[in-house]
C-alpha atoms as a PDB file:
ATOM      1  CA  MET A   1     -11.164 -18.445  45.981  1.00  0.00           C
ATOM      2  CA  HIS A   2      -8.204 -20.405  44.779  1.00  0.00           C
ATOM      3  CA  ASN A   3      -5.470 -18.325  43.070  1.00  0.00           C
ATOM      4  CA  VAL A   4      -5.568 -20.516  39.974  1.00  0.00           C
ATOM      5  CA  LEU A   5      -9.056 -19.110  39.268  1.00  0.00           C
ATOM      6  CA  ARG A   6      -7.556 -15.654  38.923  1.00  0.00           C
ATOM      7  CA  ILE A   7      -5.756 -16.704  35.725  1.00  0.00           C
ATOM      8  CA  ASP A   8      -7.802 -15.601  32.741  1.00  0.00           C
ATOM      9  CA  GLU A   9      -6.842 -18.591  30.556  1.00  0.00           C
ATOM     10  CA  VAL A  10      -8.047 -21.021  33.201  1.00  0.00           C
ATOM     11  CA  VAL A  11     -11.376 -19.256  33.557  1.00  0.00           C
ATOM     12  CA  GLN A  12     -11.666 -19.111  29.762  1.00  0.00           C
ATOM     13  CA  HIS A  13     -11.218 -22.907  29.543  1.00  0.00           C
ATOM     14  CA  ILE A  14     -13.834 -23.401  32.279  1.00  0.00           C
ATOM     15  CA  CYS A  15     -16.302 -21.178  30.389  1.00  0.00           C
ATOM     16  CA  ARG A  16     -15.636 -22.939  27.104  1.00  0.00           C
ATOM     17  CA  TYR A  17     -16.260 -26.288  28.839  1.00  0.00           C
ATOM     18  CA  VAL A  18     -19.526 -25.117  30.385  1.00  0.00           C
ATOM     19  CA  GLY A  19     -20.611 -23.642  27.015  1.00  0.00           C
ATOM     20  CA  GLN A  20     -19.778 -26.725  24.920  1.00  0.00           C
ATOM     21  CA  PRO A  21     -22.582 -28.681  23.333  1.00  0.00           C
ATOM     22  CA  GLU A  22     -22.965 -32.131  24.874  1.00  0.00           C
ATOM     23  CA  PRO A  23     -23.440 -34.987  22.446  1.00  0.00           C
ATOM     24  CA  ILE A  24     -26.860 -36.363  23.311  1.00  0.00           C
ATOM     25  CA  ALA A  25     -28.907 -38.610  21.013  1.00  0.00           C
ATOM     26  CA  ASP A  26     -32.306 -37.392  22.160  1.00  0.00           C
ATOM     27  CA  ALA A  27     -33.290 -34.175  20.284  1.00  0.00           C
ATOM     28  CA  TYR A  28     -35.490 -32.947  23.143  1.00  0.00           C
ATOM     29  CA  ARG A  29     -32.628 -33.205  25.591  1.00  0.00           C
ATOM     30  CA  LYS A  30     -30.326 -31.370  23.148  1.00  0.00           C
ATOM     31  CA  VAL A  31     -32.623 -28.354  23.218  1.00  0.00           C
ATOM     32  CA  ASN A  32     -32.860 -28.388  27.001  1.00  0.00           C
ATOM     33  CA  ARG A  33     -29.063 -28.854  27.307  1.00  0.00           C
ATOM     34  CA  LYS A  34     -28.511 -25.840  25.056  1.00  0.00           C
ATOM     35  CA  GLU A  35     -30.782 -23.720  27.230  1.00  0.00           C
ATOM     36  CA  SER A  36     -29.018 -25.097  30.318  1.00  0.00           C
ATOM     37  CA  ARG A  37     -25.629 -24.054  28.934  1.00  0.00           C
ATOM     38  CA  TYR A  38     -26.873 -20.488  28.515  1.00  0.00           C
ATOM     39  CA  ARG A  39     -28.317 -20.507  32.023  1.00  0.00           C
ATOM     40  CA  ASP A  40     -25.052 -21.892  33.460  1.00  0.00           C
ATOM     41  CA  LEU A  41     -22.917 -19.290  31.691  1.00  0.00           C
ATOM     42  CA  ALA A  42     -25.314 -16.480  32.729  1.00  0.00           C
ATOM     43  CA  ALA A  43     -25.182 -17.713  36.330  1.00  0.00           C
ATOM     44  CA  MET A  44     -21.369 -17.749  36.193  1.00  0.00           C
ATOM     45  CA  ALA A  45     -21.312 -14.209  34.843  1.00  0.00           C
ATOM     46  CA  ARG A  46     -23.555 -12.982  37.684  1.00  0.00           C
ATOM     47  CA  THR A  47     -22.038 -15.017  40.508  1.00  0.00           C
ATOM     48  CA  CYS A  48     -18.342 -14.224  40.523  1.00  0.00           C
ATOM     49  CA  ARG A  49     -16.532 -11.093  39.471  1.00  0.00           C
ATOM     50  CA  SER A  50     -13.518 -13.176  38.391  1.00  0.00           C
ATOM     51  CA  PHE A  51     -15.751 -15.211  36.019  1.00  0.00           C
ATOM     52  CA  SER A  52     -17.912 -12.351  34.836  1.00  0.00           C
ATOM     53  CA  THR A  53     -15.953 -11.122  31.775  1.00  0.00           C
ATOM     54  CA  GLN A  54     -15.078 -14.556  30.374  1.00  0.00           C
ATOM     55  CA  ALA A  55     -18.548 -16.024  31.054  1.00  0.00           C
ATOM     56  CA  THR A  56     -20.240 -13.064  29.438  1.00  0.00           C
ATOM     57  CA  GLU A  57     -17.922 -13.369  26.411  1.00  0.00           C
ATOM     58  CA  SER A  58     -18.697 -17.094  26.104  1.00  0.00           C
ATOM     59  CA  LEU A  59     -22.407 -16.488  26.548  1.00  0.00           C
ATOM     60  CA  TRP A  60     -22.561 -13.968  23.742  1.00  0.00           C
ATOM     61  CA  SER A  61     -19.923 -15.285  21.335  1.00  0.00           C
ATOM     62  CA  LYS A  62     -22.254 -17.654  19.448  1.00  0.00           C
ATOM     63  CA  LEU A  63     -25.891 -16.773  18.869  1.00  0.00           C
ATOM     64  CA  ASP A  64     -28.586 -18.684  17.028  1.00  0.00           C
ATOM     65  CA  SER A  65     -30.564 -15.552  16.139  1.00  0.00           C
ATOM     66  CA  LEU A  66     -30.851 -11.801  16.862  1.00  0.00           C
ATOM     67  CA  VAL A  67     -33.534 -12.502  19.485  1.00  0.00           C
ATOM     68  CA  PRO A  68     -31.159 -12.309  22.506  1.00  0.00           C
ATOM     69  CA  LEU A  69     -29.995  -8.899  21.323  1.00  0.00           C
ATOM     70  CA  LEU A  70     -33.586  -7.751  20.900  1.00  0.00           C
ATOM     71  CA  HIS A  71     -34.350  -8.854  24.428  1.00  0.00           C
ATOM     72  CA  CYS A  72     -31.666  -6.469  25.758  1.00  0.00           C
ATOM     73  CA  LEU A  73     -33.279  -3.451  24.170  1.00  0.00           C
ATOM     74  CA  PRO A  74     -35.839  -1.361  26.100  1.00  0.00           C
ATOM     75  CA  ASP A  75     -39.469  -2.492  26.018  1.00  0.00           C
ATOM     76  CA  ASP A  76     -40.568   0.869  24.671  1.00  0.00           C
ATOM     77  CA  LEU A  77     -38.252   0.359  21.678  1.00  0.00           C
ATOM     78  CA  VAL A  78     -38.873  -3.264  20.771  1.00  0.00           C
ATOM     79  CA  LEU A  79     -42.168  -4.910  21.738  1.00  0.00           C
ATOM     80  CA  GLU A  80     -42.258  -8.683  21.995  1.00  0.00           C
ATOM     81  CA  LYS A  81     -45.698 -10.075  21.414  1.00  0.00           C
ATOM     82  CA  ARG A  82     -46.438 -13.707  22.057  1.00  0.00           C
ATOM     83  CA  VAL A  83     -49.458 -15.350  20.413  1.00  0.00           C
ATOM     84  CA  PRO A  84     -50.676 -18.791  21.389  1.00  0.00           C
ATOM     85  CA  PRO A  85     -50.036 -21.330  18.669  1.00  0.00           C
ATOM     86  CA  GLN A  86     -52.919 -22.276  16.415  1.00  0.00           C
ATOM     87  CA  TYR A  87     -53.829 -25.889  15.892  1.00  0.00           C
ATOM     88  CA  VAL A  88     -55.578 -27.546  12.980  1.00  0.00           C
ATOM     89  CA  LEU A  89     -56.931 -31.003  12.442  1.00  0.00           C
ATOM     90  CA  GLY A  90     -54.305 -32.805  10.396  1.00  0.00           C
ATOM     91  CA  LEU A  91     -54.775 -35.506   7.765  1.00  0.00           C
ATOM     92  CA  SER A  92     -54.041 -38.143  10.413  1.00  0.00           C
ATOM     93  CA  GLY A  93     -56.963 -36.936  12.454  1.00  0.00           C
ATOM     94  CA  ARG A  94     -54.713 -35.459  15.123  1.00  0.00           C
ATOM     95  CA  LEU A  95     -54.264 -31.848  16.086  1.00  0.00           C
ATOM     96  CA  GLU A  96     -51.176 -30.338  14.537  1.00  0.00           C
ATOM     97  CA  LYS A  97     -49.576 -26.984  15.064  1.00  0.00           C
ATOM     98  CA  ALA A  98     -50.457 -24.611  12.194  1.00  0.00           C
ATOM     99  CA  MET A  99     -47.695 -22.747  10.372  1.00  0.00           C
ATOM    100  CA  GLY A 100     -47.087 -19.205  11.404  1.00  0.00           C
ATOM    101  CA  PRO A 101     -45.215 -17.187  14.008  1.00  0.00           C
ATOM    102  CA  THR A 102     -46.097 -17.295  17.707  1.00  0.00           C
ATOM    103  CA  CYS A 103     -43.612 -14.566  18.657  1.00  0.00           C
ATOM    104  CA  TYR A 104     -43.424 -11.131  17.043  1.00  0.00           C
ATOM    105  CA  PHE A 105     -40.810  -8.407  17.569  1.00  0.00           C
ATOM    106  CA  GLU A 106     -42.054  -5.029  16.624  1.00  0.00           C
ATOM    107  CA  LEU A 107     -40.234  -1.669  16.471  1.00  0.00           C
ATOM    108  CA  ARG A 108     -42.184   0.913  18.445  1.00  0.00           C
ATOM    109  CA  ARG A 109     -39.995   3.999  17.949  1.00  0.00           C
ATOM    110  CA  SER A 110     -36.666   5.063  16.497  1.00  0.00           C
ATOM    111  CA  PHE A 111     -33.426   4.028  18.118  1.00  0.00           C
ATOM    112  CA  SER A 112     -31.885   6.680  20.419  1.00  0.00           C
ATOM    113  CA  PRO A 113     -28.158   7.056  21.052  1.00  0.00           C
ATOM    114  CA  ASN A 114     -28.696   5.242  24.376  1.00  0.00           C
ATOM    115  CA  ASP A 115     -30.385   2.353  22.559  1.00  0.00           C
ATOM    116  CA  TRP A 116     -27.384   2.057  20.227  1.00  0.00           C
ATOM    117  CA  ASP A 117     -25.098   2.012  23.277  1.00  0.00           C
ATOM    118  CA  ILE A 118     -27.043  -0.990  24.664  1.00  0.00           C
ATOM    119  CA  TRP A 119     -26.902  -2.733  21.286  1.00  0.00           C
ATOM    120  CA  SER A 120     -23.150  -2.109  21.012  1.00  0.00           C
ATOM    121  CA  HIS A 121     -22.470  -3.346  24.531  1.00  0.00           C
ATOM    122  CA  TYR A 122     -23.719  -6.872  23.617  1.00  0.00           C
ATOM    123  CA  ALA A 123     -23.143  -6.903  19.830  1.00  0.00           C
ATOM    124  CA  ARG A 124     -19.420  -6.385  20.158  1.00  0.00           C
ATOM    125  CA  ARG A 125     -19.179  -9.767  21.870  1.00  0.00           C
ATOM    126  CA  ILE A 126     -20.781 -11.763  19.027  1.00  0.00           C
ATOM    127  CA  VAL A 127     -18.294 -13.764  16.908  1.00  0.00           C
ATOM    128  CA  GLU A 128     -20.668 -16.274  15.301  1.00  0.00           C
ATOM    129  CA  LEU A 129     -24.318 -15.733  14.293  1.00  0.00           C
ATOM    130  CA  SER A 130     -26.746 -18.173  12.813  1.00  0.00           C
ATOM    131  CA  MET A 131     -29.663 -16.683  10.939  1.00  0.00           C
ATOM    132  CA  SER A 132     -31.594 -19.851  10.211  1.00  0.00           C
ATOM    133  CA  TYR A 133     -35.280 -19.556   9.534  1.00  0.00           C
ATOM    134  CA  ASP A 134     -37.553 -20.054  12.540  1.00  0.00           C
ATOM    135  CA  SER A 135     -41.258 -20.128  11.591  1.00  0.00           C
ATOM    136  CA  ASP A 136     -42.227 -19.338  15.202  1.00  0.00           C
ATOM    137  CA  ILE A 137     -40.482 -15.960  15.248  1.00  0.00           C
ATOM    138  CA  HIS A 138     -41.199 -12.859  13.162  1.00  0.00           C
ATOM    139  CA  ILE A 139     -38.894  -9.791  13.376  1.00  0.00           C
ATOM    140  CA  ASP A 140     -40.451  -6.620  12.039  1.00  0.00           C
ATOM    141  CA  SER A 141     -38.815  -5.382   8.834  1.00  0.00           C
ATOM    142  CA  ARG A 142     -38.467  -1.920  10.462  1.00  0.00           C
ATOM    143  CA  ILE A 143     -35.989  -3.462  12.916  1.00  0.00           C
ATOM    144  CA  TYR A 144     -33.833  -4.628  10.016  1.00  0.00           C
ATOM    145  CA  ASP A 145     -34.251  -1.219   8.366  1.00  0.00           C
ATOM    146  CA  ALA A 146     -33.047   0.492  11.580  1.00  0.00           C
ATOM    147  CA  LEU A 147     -29.972  -1.757  11.609  1.00  0.00           C
ATOM    148  CA  VAL A 148     -29.243  -0.918   7.931  1.00  0.00           C
ATOM    149  CA  HIS A 149     -29.405   2.806   8.757  1.00  0.00           C
ATOM    150  CA  SER A 150     -27.488   2.500  12.048  1.00  0.00           C
ATOM    151  CA  PRO A 151     -25.064   5.318  12.975  1.00  0.00           C
ATOM    152  CA  LEU A 152     -22.616   2.602  14.145  1.00  0.00           C
ATOM    153  CA  GLN A 153     -19.650   1.896  11.933  1.00  0.00           C
ATOM    154  CA  TYR A 154     -20.243  -1.861  12.410  1.00  0.00           C
ATOM    155  CA  ILE A 155     -23.423  -3.438  13.689  1.00  0.00           C
ATOM    156  CA  LEU A 156     -21.550  -6.604  14.781  1.00  0.00           C
ATOM    157  CA  PRO A 157     -17.888  -5.541  14.879  1.00  0.00           C
ATOM    158  CA  ARG A 158     -16.315  -8.880  15.896  1.00  0.00           C
ATOM    159  CA  LEU A 159     -18.487 -11.080  13.705  1.00  0.00           C
ATOM    160  CA  ARG A 160     -16.357 -13.687  11.940  1.00  0.00           C
ATOM    161  CA  THR A 161     -18.893 -16.364  10.966  1.00  0.00           C
ATOM    162  CA  LEU A 162     -22.400 -15.870   9.685  1.00  0.00           C
ATOM    163  CA  TYR A 163     -24.597 -18.877   8.976  1.00  0.00           C
ATOM    164  CA  TYR A 164     -27.306 -17.800   6.589  1.00  0.00           C
ATOM    165  CA  PRO A 165     -28.925 -20.685   4.709  1.00  0.00           C
ATOM    166  CA  GLU A 166     -30.603 -19.701   1.449  1.00  0.00           C
ATOM    167  CA  SER A 167     -34.298 -20.276   1.744  1.00  0.00           C
ATOM    168  CA  GLU A 168     -37.443 -19.014   0.133  1.00  0.00           C
ATOM    169  CA  PHE A 169     -38.602 -18.218   3.680  1.00  0.00           C
ATOM    170  CA  MET A 170     -35.957 -15.613   4.316  1.00  0.00           C
ATOM    171  CA  SER A 171     -37.340 -12.130   3.597  1.00  0.00           C
ATOM    172  CA  SER A 172     -35.595  -9.676   1.314  1.00  0.00           C
ATOM    173  CA  ASN A 173     -35.425  -7.278   4.280  1.00  0.00           C
ATOM    174  CA  THR A 174     -33.357  -9.823   6.219  1.00  0.00           C
ATOM    175  CA  SER A 175     -31.085 -10.333   3.232  1.00  0.00           C
ATOM    176  CA  LEU A 176     -30.518  -6.594   2.804  1.00  0.00           C
ATOM    177  CA  ALA A 177     -29.806  -6.076   6.514  1.00  0.00           C
ATOM    178  CA  LEU A 178     -27.275  -8.883   6.607  1.00  0.00           C
ATOM    179  CA  THR A 179     -25.076  -7.157   4.069  1.00  0.00           C
ATOM    180  CA  TYR A 180     -24.509  -4.387   6.630  1.00  0.00           C
ATOM    181  CA  PHE A 181     -23.624  -6.546   9.670  1.00  0.00           C
ATOM    182  CA  THR A 182     -19.889  -6.287   9.308  1.00  0.00           C
END
């Protein structure tokens, strides 16, 4: 490996470049590009020890939801249930996706100290979090309750920016939990 790649600032710039959104007109390609950025950063974190820290920081610094954190927790703690989407006959005579979640996250037991260690390992990297409403995902209110009653001093200790649009869809449990995030 070239010596210039041993300089943290250079690796940090590379990770920022890989993680940047690319201006694309097509909305479908935007979604795929976003997923690709995450895959690219994750691959960088796993591939090279010199890139690992910076790529992991870039990967976790901005999240669109709590779902990536929930995926890191043990399966016996948080159960992810996927339900096939339901379709209804729309006014136009075409099948349309019915409203309602297709992915549920359910708390199966109380958090153990080890579970909080896992949460902390990733949560400490999050600087920006977007909590916009996603009708396809439902997070059990008991998960938010566990976060509110966490033994941790800060649930997201480095959080600097929280995007939380007001909406009638956001539950009161979510609102209550968000007051304890920092």
